């Protein structure tokens, strides 16, 4: 018998909320292991250094509601968060660019627990083609066009040099990719229906180093 869900999720959530939700999930999984069955928004907020009102607002997107003087059921909230974030199913992806960063992502197998599985990687470097990293085969770039038609993959991970990122991104779109995780510093110009999430290493490093400098540590 399929379990009937008793809560209704909100169709959309703001980007700041989406970025906080994995933190809630990680914390809840920790307290679940400690045997905590129910937990309140103030308790969650104190541990994560968030205002309890913000916690309630963020978690409302899952459709789960806390009960007065009881709080949230830990197990129900974990399942709702996994469902909302898509972590409870496997979303297949292609990776293009098997350099240092691309190789690190392939070797980092924990991403599979986040609902993301890299099926194959592609590169133009003959020295990399044919290798296997983290169980993922590195294939000749031109094979991307053939495999995309067979496998119907919707997610592309872009770890190429910046100067070719736009061209490769366009190839991914032409192959049917609907969402691109962009690890380059290039600003991609793509059709507006294509979802692009940019995670520039240089940008994050700049913020980290600037904060360190400002703190005079």
N, C-alpha and C. Protein backbone atom coordinates (compact mmCIF):
# COMPACT_ATOMS: atom_id res chain seq x y z
N UNK A 1 0.85 -1.20 0.00
CA UNK A 1 0.00 0.00 0.00
C UNK A 1 0.89 1.25 0.00
N UNK A 2 0.58 2.19 -0.86
CA UNK A 2 1.33 3.44 -0.90
C UNK A 2 0.88 4.36 0.21
N UNK A 3 1.86 4.98 0.85
CA UNK A 3 1.55 5.90 1.93
C UNK A 3 0.97 7.18 1.37
N UNK A 4 -0.15 7.64 1.90
CA UNK A 4 -0.77 8.87 1.44
C UNK A 4 -0.22 10.04 2.24
N UNK A 5 0.30 11.03 1.55
CA UNK A 5 0.85 12.19 2.24
C UNK A 5 -0.27 13.05 2.77
N UNK A 6 -0.06 13.56 3.98
CA UNK A 6 -1.09 14.35 4.64
C UNK A 6 -0.77 15.84 4.61
N UNK A 7 0.22 16.22 3.85
CA UNK A 7 0.59 17.62 3.79
C UNK A 7 0.81 18.03 2.34
N UNK A 8 0.65 19.29 2.09
CA UNK A 8 0.75 19.82 0.73
C UNK A 8 1.90 20.82 0.67
N UNK A 9 2.82 20.59 -0.25
CA UNK A 9 3.97 21.48 -0.36
C UNK A 9 3.61 22.73 -1.14
N UNK A 10 4.41 23.77 -0.94
CA UNK A 10 4.27 24.97 -1.74
C UNK A 10 5.03 24.75 -3.05
N UNK A 11 4.50 25.30 -4.11
CA UNK A 11 5.07 25.05 -5.43
C UNK A 11 6.48 25.62 -5.56
N UNK A 12 6.74 26.76 -4.93
CA UNK A 12 8.03 27.41 -5.09
C UNK A 12 8.55 27.89 -3.74
N UNK A 13 9.86 28.02 -3.68
CA UNK A 13 10.51 28.56 -2.48
C UNK A 13 11.58 29.53 -2.96
N UNK A 14 11.88 30.53 -2.14
CA UNK A 14 12.91 31.49 -2.51
C UNK A 14 14.28 30.81 -2.51
N UNK A 15 15.23 31.38 -3.22
CA UNK A 15 16.57 30.79 -3.28
C UNK A 15 17.24 30.74 -1.91
N UNK A 16 17.14 31.81 -1.07
CA UNK A 16 17.74 31.70 0.27
C UNK A 16 17.15 30.55 1.08
N UNK A 17 15.82 30.35 0.97
CA UNK A 17 15.19 29.24 1.68
C UNK A 17 15.72 27.91 1.17
N UNK A 18 15.79 27.75 -0.15
CA UNK A 18 16.29 26.51 -0.74
C UNK A 18 17.71 26.21 -0.27
N UNK A 19 18.53 27.24 -0.12
CA UNK A 19 19.91 27.03 0.31
C UNK A 19 19.99 26.63 1.78
N UNK A 20 18.99 27.04 2.57
CA UNK A 20 19.00 26.67 3.99
C UNK A 20 18.44 25.27 4.24
N UNK A 21 17.55 24.80 3.38
CA UNK A 21 16.86 23.53 3.63
C UNK A 21 17.80 22.34 3.83
N UNK A 22 18.88 22.18 3.05
CA UNK A 22 19.78 21.05 3.31
C UNK A 22 20.40 21.11 4.71
N UNK A 23 20.62 22.32 5.22
CA UNK A 23 21.15 22.46 6.58
C UNK A 23 20.17 21.94 7.62
N UNK A 24 18.89 22.23 7.42
CA UNK A 24 17.86 21.69 8.31
C UNK A 24 17.88 20.16 8.26
N UNK A 25 17.96 19.64 7.04
CA UNK A 25 17.91 18.19 6.87
C UNK A 25 19.08 17.52 7.57
N UNK A 26 20.27 18.06 7.39
CA UNK A 26 21.45 17.49 8.03
C UNK A 26 21.32 17.51 9.55
N UNK A 27 20.85 18.63 10.10
CA UNK A 27 20.69 18.75 11.54
C UNK A 27 19.64 17.77 12.06
N UNK A 28 18.53 17.66 11.36
CA UNK A 28 17.46 16.76 11.79
C UNK A 28 17.90 15.30 11.75
N UNK A 29 18.72 14.95 10.76
CA UNK A 29 19.23 13.58 10.70
C UNK A 29 20.14 13.29 11.89
N UNK A 30 20.86 14.32 12.34
CA UNK A 30 21.71 14.15 13.52
C UNK A 30 20.88 13.91 14.77
N UNK A 31 19.86 14.75 14.99
CA UNK A 31 19.06 14.61 16.21
C UNK A 31 18.21 13.34 16.17
N UNK A 32 17.85 12.90 14.97
CA UNK A 32 17.10 11.64 14.86
C UNK A 32 17.95 10.50 15.39
N UNK A 33 19.25 10.51 15.05
CA UNK A 33 20.15 9.47 15.53
C UNK A 33 20.28 9.50 17.05
N UNK A 34 20.02 10.65 17.65
CA UNK A 34 20.09 10.78 19.11
C UNK A 34 18.76 10.41 19.77
N UNK A 35 17.78 10.02 18.94
CA UNK A 35 16.51 9.58 19.49
C UNK A 35 15.48 10.67 19.69
N UNK A 36 15.72 11.86 19.11
CA UNK A 36 14.78 12.97 19.26
C UNK A 36 13.60 12.75 18.32
N UNK A 37 12.39 12.63 18.87
CA UNK A 37 11.20 12.35 18.07
C UNK A 37 10.50 13.63 17.65
N UNK A 38 10.46 14.61 18.53
CA UNK A 38 9.83 15.90 18.23
C UNK A 38 10.81 17.03 18.53
N UNK A 39 10.73 18.07 17.74
CA UNK A 39 11.65 19.19 17.92
C UNK A 39 10.96 20.49 17.56
N UNK A 40 11.24 21.55 18.31
CA UNK A 40 10.58 22.83 18.11
C UNK A 40 11.38 23.75 17.20
N UNK A 41 10.70 24.74 16.63
CA UNK A 41 11.37 25.73 15.79
C UNK A 41 12.42 26.52 16.58
N UNK A 42 12.13 26.93 17.84
CA UNK A 42 13.17 27.64 18.60
C UNK A 42 14.43 26.79 18.82
N UNK A 43 14.25 25.48 19.02
CA UNK A 43 15.41 24.61 19.21
C UNK A 43 16.23 24.52 17.93
N UNK A 44 15.53 24.35 16.81
CA UNK A 44 16.23 24.30 15.52
C UNK A 44 16.94 25.63 15.26
N UNK A 45 16.23 26.72 15.51
CA UNK A 45 16.80 28.04 15.27
C UNK A 45 18.03 28.31 16.12
N UNK A 46 18.00 27.88 17.38
CA UNK A 46 19.15 28.09 18.27
C UNK A 46 20.37 27.35 17.76
N UNK A 47 20.19 26.11 17.33
CA UNK A 47 21.31 25.31 16.86
C UNK A 47 21.88 25.82 15.54
N UNK A 48 21.00 26.33 14.67
CA UNK A 48 21.43 26.79 13.35
C UNK A 48 21.62 28.29 13.27
N UNK A 49 21.46 28.96 14.43
CA UNK A 49 21.62 30.42 14.51
C UNK A 49 20.68 31.14 13.55
N UNK A 50 19.41 30.73 13.63
CA UNK A 50 18.36 31.36 12.83
C UNK A 50 17.22 31.77 13.73
N UNK A 51 16.51 32.82 13.32
CA UNK A 51 15.32 33.24 14.06
C UNK A 51 14.24 32.17 13.93
N UNK A 52 13.58 31.79 15.03
CA UNK A 52 12.54 30.76 14.97
C UNK A 52 11.45 31.06 13.94
N UNK A 53 11.13 32.35 13.77
CA UNK A 53 10.12 32.73 12.78
C UNK A 53 10.59 32.37 11.37
N UNK A 54 11.88 32.56 11.12
CA UNK A 54 12.44 32.19 9.82
C UNK A 54 12.41 30.68 9.62
N UNK A 55 12.67 29.94 10.69
CA UNK A 55 12.63 28.48 10.63
C UNK A 55 11.24 28.01 10.22
N UNK A 56 10.21 28.55 10.89
CA UNK A 56 8.83 28.18 10.59
C UNK A 56 8.49 28.51 9.13
N UNK A 57 8.93 29.69 8.70
CA UNK A 57 8.65 30.12 7.33
C UNK A 57 9.35 29.23 6.32
N UNK A 58 10.60 28.87 6.59
CA UNK A 58 11.35 28.01 5.67
C UNK A 58 10.72 26.63 5.58
N UNK A 59 10.41 26.04 6.74
CA UNK A 59 9.90 24.68 6.75
C UNK A 59 8.46 24.58 6.24
N UNK A 60 7.77 25.71 6.18
CA UNK A 60 6.39 25.71 5.69
C UNK A 60 6.32 25.27 4.23
N UNK A 61 7.42 25.44 3.48
CA UNK A 61 7.39 25.06 2.07
C UNK A 61 7.23 23.56 1.90
N UNK A 62 7.58 22.78 2.92
CA UNK A 62 7.45 21.33 2.84
C UNK A 62 6.01 20.87 3.05
N UNK A 63 5.18 21.76 3.60
CA UNK A 63 3.80 21.39 3.90
C UNK A 63 3.62 20.83 5.30
N UNK A 64 4.73 20.58 6.01
CA UNK A 64 4.66 20.07 7.37
C UNK A 64 4.47 21.22 8.35
N UNK A 65 3.57 21.05 9.29
CA UNK A 65 3.31 22.08 10.29
C UNK A 65 3.61 21.54 11.68
N UNK A 66 4.24 22.38 12.49
CA UNK A 66 4.52 21.99 13.87
C UNK A 66 3.26 22.11 14.72
N UNK A 67 3.23 21.36 15.82
CA UNK A 67 2.09 21.40 16.73
C UNK A 67 2.46 22.19 17.97
N UNK A 68 1.49 22.98 18.52
CA UNK A 68 1.76 23.76 19.73
C UNK A 68 2.28 22.88 20.86
N UNK A 69 3.35 23.34 21.52
CA UNK A 69 3.97 22.68 22.67
C UNK A 69 4.58 21.32 22.34
N UNK A 70 4.53 20.92 21.08
CA UNK A 70 5.12 19.65 20.66
C UNK A 70 6.22 19.88 19.63
N UNK A 71 5.93 20.75 18.68
CA UNK A 71 6.88 21.02 17.61
C UNK A 71 6.68 20.12 16.42
N UNK A 72 7.74 19.87 15.70
CA UNK A 72 7.68 19.04 14.49
C UNK A 72 8.04 17.60 14.83
N UNK A 73 7.39 16.67 14.13
CA UNK A 73 7.83 15.29 14.21
C UNK A 73 9.08 15.15 13.36
N UNK A 74 10.17 14.74 13.98
CA UNK A 74 11.47 14.69 13.30
C UNK A 74 11.44 13.83 12.05
N UNK A 75 10.85 12.64 12.16
CA UNK A 75 10.83 11.71 11.05
C UNK A 75 10.00 12.25 9.88
N UNK A 76 8.83 12.81 10.20
CA UNK A 76 7.97 13.36 9.16
C UNK A 76 8.66 14.51 8.44
N UNK A 77 9.34 15.35 9.22
CA UNK A 77 9.99 16.51 8.62
C UNK A 77 11.17 16.10 7.74
N UNK A 78 11.91 15.09 8.14
CA UNK A 78 13.02 14.59 7.33
C UNK A 78 12.50 14.07 5.99
N UNK A 79 11.45 13.26 6.04
CA UNK A 79 10.88 12.73 4.80
C UNK A 79 10.35 13.84 3.90
N UNK A 80 9.71 14.83 4.52
CA UNK A 80 9.15 15.94 3.73
C UNK A 80 10.25 16.76 3.08
N UNK A 81 11.34 17.00 3.80
CA UNK A 81 12.47 17.76 3.25
C UNK A 81 13.13 16.99 2.10
N UNK A 82 13.34 15.69 2.30
CA UNK A 82 13.94 14.88 1.24
C UNK A 82 13.07 14.88 0.00
N UNK A 83 11.76 14.81 0.21
CA UNK A 83 10.83 14.79 -0.91
C UNK A 83 10.83 16.14 -1.62
N UNK A 84 10.78 17.22 -0.86
CA UNK A 84 10.73 18.56 -1.45
C UNK A 84 12.01 18.86 -2.23
N UNK A 85 13.16 18.46 -1.68
CA UNK A 85 14.44 18.75 -2.32
C UNK A 85 14.78 17.77 -3.44
N UNK A 86 14.03 16.68 -3.53
CA UNK A 86 14.32 15.69 -4.55
C UNK A 86 15.47 14.78 -4.19
N UNK A 87 15.85 14.75 -2.89
CA UNK A 87 16.97 13.93 -2.46
C UNK A 87 16.60 12.45 -2.36
N UNK A 88 15.30 12.14 -2.42
CA UNK A 88 14.86 10.76 -2.25
C UNK A 88 14.71 10.02 -3.58
N UNK A 89 15.18 10.63 -4.66
CA UNK A 89 15.19 9.96 -5.95
C UNK A 89 16.46 10.33 -6.68
N UNK A 90 16.83 9.53 -7.66
CA UNK A 90 18.08 9.75 -8.38
C UNK A 90 17.83 10.58 -9.63
N UNK A 91 18.51 11.72 -9.71
CA UNK A 91 18.46 12.57 -10.89
C UNK A 91 19.79 12.41 -11.63
N UNK A 92 19.73 11.94 -12.87
CA UNK A 92 20.95 11.62 -13.60
C UNK A 92 21.53 12.86 -14.29
N UNK A 93 22.87 12.89 -14.37
CA UNK A 93 23.55 14.07 -14.93
C UNK A 93 24.74 13.64 -15.77
N UNK A 94 25.09 14.52 -16.72
CA UNK A 94 26.34 14.41 -17.47
C UNK A 94 27.28 15.49 -16.96
N UNK A 95 28.57 15.16 -16.88
CA UNK A 95 29.59 16.14 -16.51
C UNK A 95 30.49 16.39 -17.71
N UNK A 96 30.76 17.66 -17.99
CA UNK A 96 31.67 18.00 -19.09
C UNK A 96 32.85 18.78 -18.53
N UNK A 97 34.04 18.23 -18.76
CA UNK A 97 35.26 18.84 -18.25
C UNK A 97 35.85 18.01 -17.13
N UNK A 98 36.71 17.06 -17.47
CA UNK A 98 37.25 16.12 -16.47
C UNK A 98 38.62 16.56 -15.96
N UNK A 99 38.77 17.86 -15.75
CA UNK A 99 40.01 18.38 -15.16
C UNK A 99 40.02 18.14 -13.66
N UNK A 100 40.76 18.97 -12.94
CA UNK A 100 40.90 18.76 -11.49
C UNK A 100 39.56 18.84 -10.77
N UNK A 101 38.77 19.88 -11.05
CA UNK A 101 37.50 20.04 -10.36
C UNK A 101 36.51 18.96 -10.78
N UNK A 102 36.41 18.71 -12.09
CA UNK A 102 35.50 17.68 -12.56
C UNK A 102 35.85 16.32 -11.99
N UNK A 103 37.14 16.02 -11.92
CA UNK A 103 37.58 14.74 -11.35
C UNK A 103 37.24 14.64 -9.88
N UNK A 104 37.38 15.76 -9.17
CA UNK A 104 37.05 15.76 -7.74
C UNK A 104 35.57 15.49 -7.53
N UNK A 105 34.73 16.07 -8.37
CA UNK A 105 33.29 15.83 -8.26
C UNK A 105 32.94 14.38 -8.57
N UNK A 106 33.64 13.80 -9.52
CA UNK A 106 33.40 12.39 -9.84
C UNK A 106 33.82 11.48 -8.69
N UNK A 107 34.92 11.83 -8.06
CA UNK A 107 35.43 11.02 -6.95
C UNK A 107 34.58 11.18 -5.69
N UNK A 108 33.89 12.28 -5.61
CA UNK A 108 33.09 12.58 -4.42
C UNK A 108 31.74 11.89 -4.54
N UNK A 109 31.68 10.66 -4.12
CA UNK A 109 30.48 9.86 -4.33
C UNK A 109 29.31 10.24 -3.43
N UNK A 110 29.56 11.09 -2.43
CA UNK A 110 28.46 11.44 -1.53
C UNK A 110 27.36 12.19 -2.25
N UNK A 111 27.67 12.80 -3.43
CA UNK A 111 26.62 13.53 -4.13
C UNK A 111 25.45 12.63 -4.51
N UNK A 112 25.66 11.32 -4.54
CA UNK A 112 24.56 10.43 -4.88
C UNK A 112 23.48 10.46 -3.82
N UNK A 113 23.86 10.71 -2.56
CA UNK A 113 22.87 10.79 -1.49
C UNK A 113 22.04 12.06 -1.60
N UNK A 114 22.47 12.99 -2.43
CA UNK A 114 21.73 14.23 -2.64
C UNK A 114 20.81 14.14 -3.84
N UNK A 115 20.60 12.93 -4.33
CA UNK A 115 19.68 12.74 -5.44
C UNK A 115 20.30 13.03 -6.79
N UNK A 116 21.65 13.11 -6.84
CA UNK A 116 22.32 13.43 -8.10
C UNK A 116 23.35 12.35 -8.43
N UNK A 117 23.24 11.77 -9.61
CA UNK A 117 24.17 10.72 -10.03
C UNK A 117 24.74 11.07 -11.39
N UNK A 118 26.07 11.16 -11.46
CA UNK A 118 26.74 11.44 -12.73
C UNK A 118 26.85 10.13 -13.51
N UNK A 119 26.19 10.07 -14.65
CA UNK A 119 26.21 8.86 -15.48
C UNK A 119 27.51 8.72 -16.25
N UNK A 120 28.01 9.84 -16.76
CA UNK A 120 29.23 9.80 -17.58
C UNK A 120 29.84 11.19 -17.60
N UNK A 121 31.15 11.24 -17.86
CA UNK A 121 31.87 12.50 -18.01
C UNK A 121 32.44 12.57 -19.42
N UNK A 122 32.64 13.79 -19.90
CA UNK A 122 33.10 13.98 -21.29
C UNK A 122 34.25 14.99 -21.30
N UNK A 123 35.22 14.75 -22.18
CA UNK A 123 36.37 15.65 -22.29
C UNK A 123 36.96 15.52 -23.69
N UNK A 124 37.76 16.52 -24.07
CA UNK A 124 38.43 16.48 -25.38
C UNK A 124 39.89 16.05 -25.24
N UNK A 125 40.37 15.95 -24.01
CA UNK A 125 41.76 15.58 -23.75
C UNK A 125 41.92 14.06 -23.89
N UNK A 126 42.70 13.63 -24.89
CA UNK A 126 42.88 12.20 -25.12
C UNK A 126 43.53 11.49 -23.94
N UNK A 127 44.29 12.23 -23.13
CA UNK A 127 44.94 11.62 -21.97
C UNK A 127 43.92 11.25 -20.89
N UNK A 128 42.78 11.93 -20.89
CA UNK A 128 41.75 11.65 -19.88
C UNK A 128 40.72 10.64 -20.38
N UNK A 129 40.47 10.65 -21.69
CA UNK A 129 39.45 9.77 -22.27
C UNK A 129 39.81 8.31 -22.02
N UNK A 130 38.85 7.56 -21.53
CA UNK A 130 39.07 6.15 -21.23
C UNK A 130 39.33 5.87 -19.76
N UNK A 131 39.62 6.93 -18.99
CA UNK A 131 39.83 6.74 -17.56
C UNK A 131 38.48 6.56 -16.85
N UNK A 132 38.55 6.02 -15.64
CA UNK A 132 37.37 5.89 -14.79
C UNK A 132 37.69 6.48 -13.43
N UNK A 133 36.87 7.41 -12.98
CA UNK A 133 37.07 8.05 -11.68
C UNK A 133 35.78 7.93 -10.89
N UNK A 134 35.88 7.37 -9.71
CA UNK A 134 34.68 7.19 -8.88
C UNK A 134 33.63 6.33 -9.55
N UNK A 135 34.07 5.42 -10.39
CA UNK A 135 33.13 4.55 -11.10
C UNK A 135 32.49 5.21 -12.31
N UNK A 136 32.93 6.42 -12.65
CA UNK A 136 32.36 7.17 -13.77
C UNK A 136 33.35 7.19 -14.93
N UNK A 137 32.92 6.77 -16.10
CA UNK A 137 33.78 6.71 -17.28
C UNK A 137 33.89 8.08 -17.94
N UNK A 138 35.11 8.40 -18.36
CA UNK A 138 35.35 9.64 -19.11
C UNK A 138 35.36 9.30 -20.59
N UNK A 139 34.44 9.90 -21.32
CA UNK A 139 34.25 9.58 -22.73
C UNK A 139 34.66 10.75 -23.62
N UNK A 140 34.86 10.43 -24.89
CA UNK A 140 35.16 11.46 -25.88
C UNK A 140 33.99 12.44 -25.97
N UNK A 141 34.30 13.72 -26.04
CA UNK A 141 33.26 14.76 -25.99
C UNK A 141 32.17 14.56 -27.03
N UNK A 142 32.53 14.16 -28.22
CA UNK A 142 31.54 14.00 -29.29
C UNK A 142 30.48 12.94 -28.98
N UNK A 143 30.79 12.03 -28.06
CA UNK A 143 29.82 10.99 -27.71
C UNK A 143 28.66 11.55 -26.88
N UNK A 144 28.84 12.77 -26.38
CA UNK A 144 27.77 13.42 -25.62
C UNK A 144 26.49 13.50 -26.45
N UNK A 145 26.62 13.83 -27.72
CA UNK A 145 25.47 14.04 -28.58
C UNK A 145 24.71 12.73 -28.83
N UNK A 146 25.46 11.63 -28.93
CA UNK A 146 24.83 10.33 -29.17
C UNK A 146 24.14 9.81 -27.90
N UNK A 147 24.85 9.90 -26.77
CA UNK A 147 24.30 9.35 -25.53
C UNK A 147 23.12 10.15 -25.00
N UNK A 148 23.13 11.45 -25.24
CA UNK A 148 22.04 12.28 -24.72
C UNK A 148 20.71 11.87 -25.32
N UNK A 149 20.71 11.49 -26.58
CA UNK A 149 19.48 11.07 -27.22
C UNK A 149 18.96 9.75 -26.69
N UNK A 150 19.88 8.88 -26.25
CA UNK A 150 19.50 7.56 -25.75
C UNK A 150 19.06 7.60 -24.29
N UNK A 151 19.72 8.42 -23.48
CA UNK A 151 19.53 8.35 -22.03
C UNK A 151 18.60 9.40 -21.46
N UNK A 152 18.28 10.42 -22.24
CA UNK A 152 17.32 11.45 -21.82
C UNK A 152 17.72 12.12 -20.50
N UNK A 153 19.00 12.43 -20.37
CA UNK A 153 19.51 13.12 -19.18
C UNK A 153 19.14 14.60 -19.26
N UNK A 154 18.72 15.17 -18.13
CA UNK A 154 18.25 16.55 -18.11
C UNK A 154 19.20 17.53 -17.40
N UNK A 155 20.22 16.99 -16.72
CA UNK A 155 21.12 17.85 -15.93
C UNK A 155 22.54 17.77 -16.48
N UNK A 156 23.16 18.93 -16.65
CA UNK A 156 24.55 19.00 -17.08
C UNK A 156 25.39 19.70 -16.02
N UNK A 157 26.57 19.16 -15.73
CA UNK A 157 27.50 19.77 -14.78
C UNK A 157 28.69 20.29 -15.59
N UNK A 158 28.92 21.58 -15.51
CA UNK A 158 29.90 22.25 -16.37
C UNK A 158 31.16 22.59 -15.56
N UNK A 159 32.27 21.89 -15.87
CA UNK A 159 33.54 22.14 -15.18
C UNK A 159 34.66 22.33 -16.20
N UNK A 160 34.34 22.98 -17.28
CA UNK A 160 35.31 23.23 -18.36
C UNK A 160 36.11 24.50 -18.06
N UNK A 161 37.15 24.78 -18.84
CA UNK A 161 37.79 26.10 -18.77
C UNK A 161 36.77 27.19 -19.11
N UNK A 162 36.93 28.36 -18.52
CA UNK A 162 35.96 29.45 -18.70
C UNK A 162 35.74 29.80 -20.17
N UNK A 163 36.80 29.77 -20.96
CA UNK A 163 36.72 30.28 -22.34
C UNK A 163 35.86 29.40 -23.25
N UNK A 164 35.59 28.18 -22.85
CA UNK A 164 34.76 27.31 -23.70
C UNK A 164 33.41 27.02 -23.05
N UNK A 165 33.16 27.60 -21.89
CA UNK A 165 31.95 27.28 -21.14
C UNK A 165 30.67 27.60 -21.90
N UNK A 166 30.61 28.76 -22.55
CA UNK A 166 29.41 29.15 -23.29
C UNK A 166 29.12 28.18 -24.43
N UNK A 167 30.15 27.84 -25.18
CA UNK A 167 29.98 26.92 -26.31
C UNK A 167 29.50 25.55 -25.84
N UNK A 168 30.10 25.05 -24.77
CA UNK A 168 29.71 23.74 -24.25
C UNK A 168 28.30 23.79 -23.68
N UNK A 169 27.97 24.88 -23.00
CA UNK A 169 26.62 25.02 -22.45
C UNK A 169 25.58 24.98 -23.56
N UNK A 170 25.87 25.63 -24.68
CA UNK A 170 24.95 25.61 -25.82
C UNK A 170 24.81 24.20 -26.37
N UNK A 171 25.92 23.46 -26.41
CA UNK A 171 25.86 22.07 -26.86
C UNK A 171 24.97 21.25 -25.93
N UNK A 172 25.11 21.46 -24.62
CA UNK A 172 24.30 20.74 -23.65
C UNK A 172 22.81 21.02 -23.86
N UNK A 173 22.48 22.28 -24.09
CA UNK A 173 21.09 22.64 -24.34
C UNK A 173 20.57 21.97 -25.61
N UNK A 174 21.41 21.95 -26.64
CA UNK A 174 21.01 21.31 -27.90
C UNK A 174 20.85 19.80 -27.74
N UNK A 175 21.47 19.24 -26.71
CA UNK A 175 21.35 17.81 -26.42
C UNK A 175 20.14 17.50 -25.54
N UNK A 176 19.39 18.53 -25.18
CA UNK A 176 18.20 18.29 -24.37
C UNK A 176 18.35 18.56 -22.89
N UNK A 177 19.52 19.05 -22.48
CA UNK A 177 19.73 19.39 -21.07
C UNK A 177 18.83 20.56 -20.68
N UNK A 178 18.17 20.44 -19.54
CA UNK A 178 17.25 21.48 -19.07
C UNK A 178 17.78 22.27 -17.88
N UNK A 179 18.82 21.73 -17.21
CA UNK A 179 19.38 22.42 -16.04
C UNK A 179 20.89 22.25 -16.05
N UNK A 180 21.62 23.33 -15.81
CA UNK A 180 23.08 23.31 -15.83
C UNK A 180 23.63 23.80 -14.51
N UNK A 181 24.49 22.98 -13.90
CA UNK A 181 25.23 23.39 -12.70
C UNK A 181 26.57 23.91 -13.19
N UNK A 182 26.75 25.20 -13.15
CA UNK A 182 27.90 25.86 -13.76
C UNK A 182 28.97 26.15 -12.72
N UNK A 183 30.09 25.41 -12.79
CA UNK A 183 31.20 25.62 -11.87
C UNK A 183 32.27 26.55 -12.45
N UNK A 184 32.03 27.08 -13.62
CA UNK A 184 32.98 28.01 -14.21
C UNK A 184 32.64 29.44 -13.77
N UNK A 185 33.53 30.38 -14.11
CA UNK A 185 33.28 31.79 -13.80
C UNK A 185 32.57 32.50 -14.94
N UNK A 186 32.28 31.78 -16.01
CA UNK A 186 31.63 32.39 -17.18
C UNK A 186 30.16 32.67 -16.90
N UNK A 187 29.70 33.81 -17.37
CA UNK A 187 28.27 34.14 -17.29
C UNK A 187 27.61 33.59 -18.55
N UNK A 188 26.77 32.60 -18.37
CA UNK A 188 26.18 31.91 -19.51
C UNK A 188 24.97 32.65 -20.06
N UNK A 189 24.88 32.71 -21.37
CA UNK A 189 23.74 33.31 -22.04
C UNK A 189 22.97 32.20 -22.73
N UNK A 190 21.85 31.79 -22.12
CA UNK A 190 21.08 30.66 -22.61
C UNK A 190 19.60 31.00 -22.61
N UNK A 191 18.77 30.22 -23.29
CA UNK A 191 17.32 30.48 -23.26
C UNK A 191 16.81 30.53 -21.83
N UNK A 192 15.86 31.42 -21.57
CA UNK A 192 15.44 31.66 -20.19
C UNK A 192 14.79 30.45 -19.54
N UNK A 193 14.33 29.49 -20.34
CA UNK A 193 13.71 28.31 -19.73
C UNK A 193 14.76 27.33 -19.19
N UNK A 194 16.03 27.54 -19.53
CA UNK A 194 17.09 26.67 -19.02
C UNK A 194 17.48 27.13 -17.61
N UNK A 195 17.47 26.19 -16.68
CA UNK A 195 17.82 26.50 -15.30
C UNK A 195 19.34 26.47 -15.16
N UNK A 196 19.92 27.56 -14.65
CA UNK A 196 21.37 27.64 -14.46
C UNK A 196 21.66 27.96 -13.00
N UNK A 197 22.44 27.11 -12.36
CA UNK A 197 22.90 27.37 -11.00
C UNK A 197 24.42 27.51 -11.04
N UNK A 198 24.90 28.71 -10.77
CA UNK A 198 26.34 28.98 -10.84
C UNK A 198 26.99 28.85 -9.47
N UNK A 199 28.10 28.12 -9.44
CA UNK A 199 28.85 27.93 -8.20
C UNK A 199 30.32 28.19 -8.53
N UNK A 200 30.66 29.45 -8.67
CA UNK A 200 32.02 29.82 -9.07
C UNK A 200 32.97 29.70 -7.88
N UNK A 201 34.01 28.87 -8.02
CA UNK A 201 34.99 28.70 -6.96
C UNK A 201 35.70 30.01 -6.66
N UNK A 202 35.99 30.79 -7.70
CA UNK A 202 36.70 32.05 -7.49
C UNK A 202 35.85 33.04 -6.70
N UNK A 203 34.54 33.04 -6.93
CA UNK A 203 33.66 33.95 -6.21
C UNK A 203 33.61 33.61 -4.73
N UNK A 204 33.48 32.32 -4.42
CA UNK A 204 33.43 31.90 -3.02
C UNK A 204 34.77 32.15 -2.34
N UNK A 205 35.87 31.92 -3.06
CA UNK A 205 37.19 32.17 -2.49
C UNK A 205 37.36 33.67 -2.21
N UNK A 206 36.86 34.51 -3.10
CA UNK A 206 36.97 35.96 -2.91
C UNK A 206 36.25 36.40 -1.64
N UNK A 207 35.04 35.86 -1.43
CA UNK A 207 34.27 36.21 -0.22
C UNK A 207 35.01 35.75 1.03
N UNK A 208 35.51 34.52 1.01
CA UNK A 208 36.22 33.97 2.16
C UNK A 208 37.44 34.81 2.51
N UNK A 209 38.26 35.13 1.51
CA UNK A 209 39.49 35.87 1.75
C UNK A 209 39.22 37.30 2.17
N UNK A 210 38.16 37.92 1.61
CA UNK A 210 37.82 39.28 1.99
C UNK A 210 37.35 39.33 3.44
N UNK A 211 36.55 38.36 3.84
CA UNK A 211 36.07 38.30 5.22
C UNK A 211 37.22 38.07 6.19
N UNK A 212 38.16 37.22 5.80
CA UNK A 212 39.31 36.97 6.64
C UNK A 212 40.14 38.23 6.81
N UNK A 213 40.32 38.96 5.70
CA UNK A 213 41.08 40.21 5.74
C UNK A 213 40.37 41.25 6.61
N UNK A 214 39.04 41.35 6.46
CA UNK A 214 38.27 42.34 7.23
C UNK A 214 38.31 42.02 8.73
N UNK A 215 38.42 40.73 9.06
CA UNK A 215 38.43 40.33 10.47
C UNK A 215 39.79 40.54 11.11
N UNK A 216 40.81 40.84 10.30
CA UNK A 216 42.16 41.09 10.79
C UNK A 216 42.70 39.92 11.62
N UNK A 217 42.42 38.72 11.19
CA UNK A 217 42.89 37.52 11.91
C UNK A 217 44.27 37.09 11.42
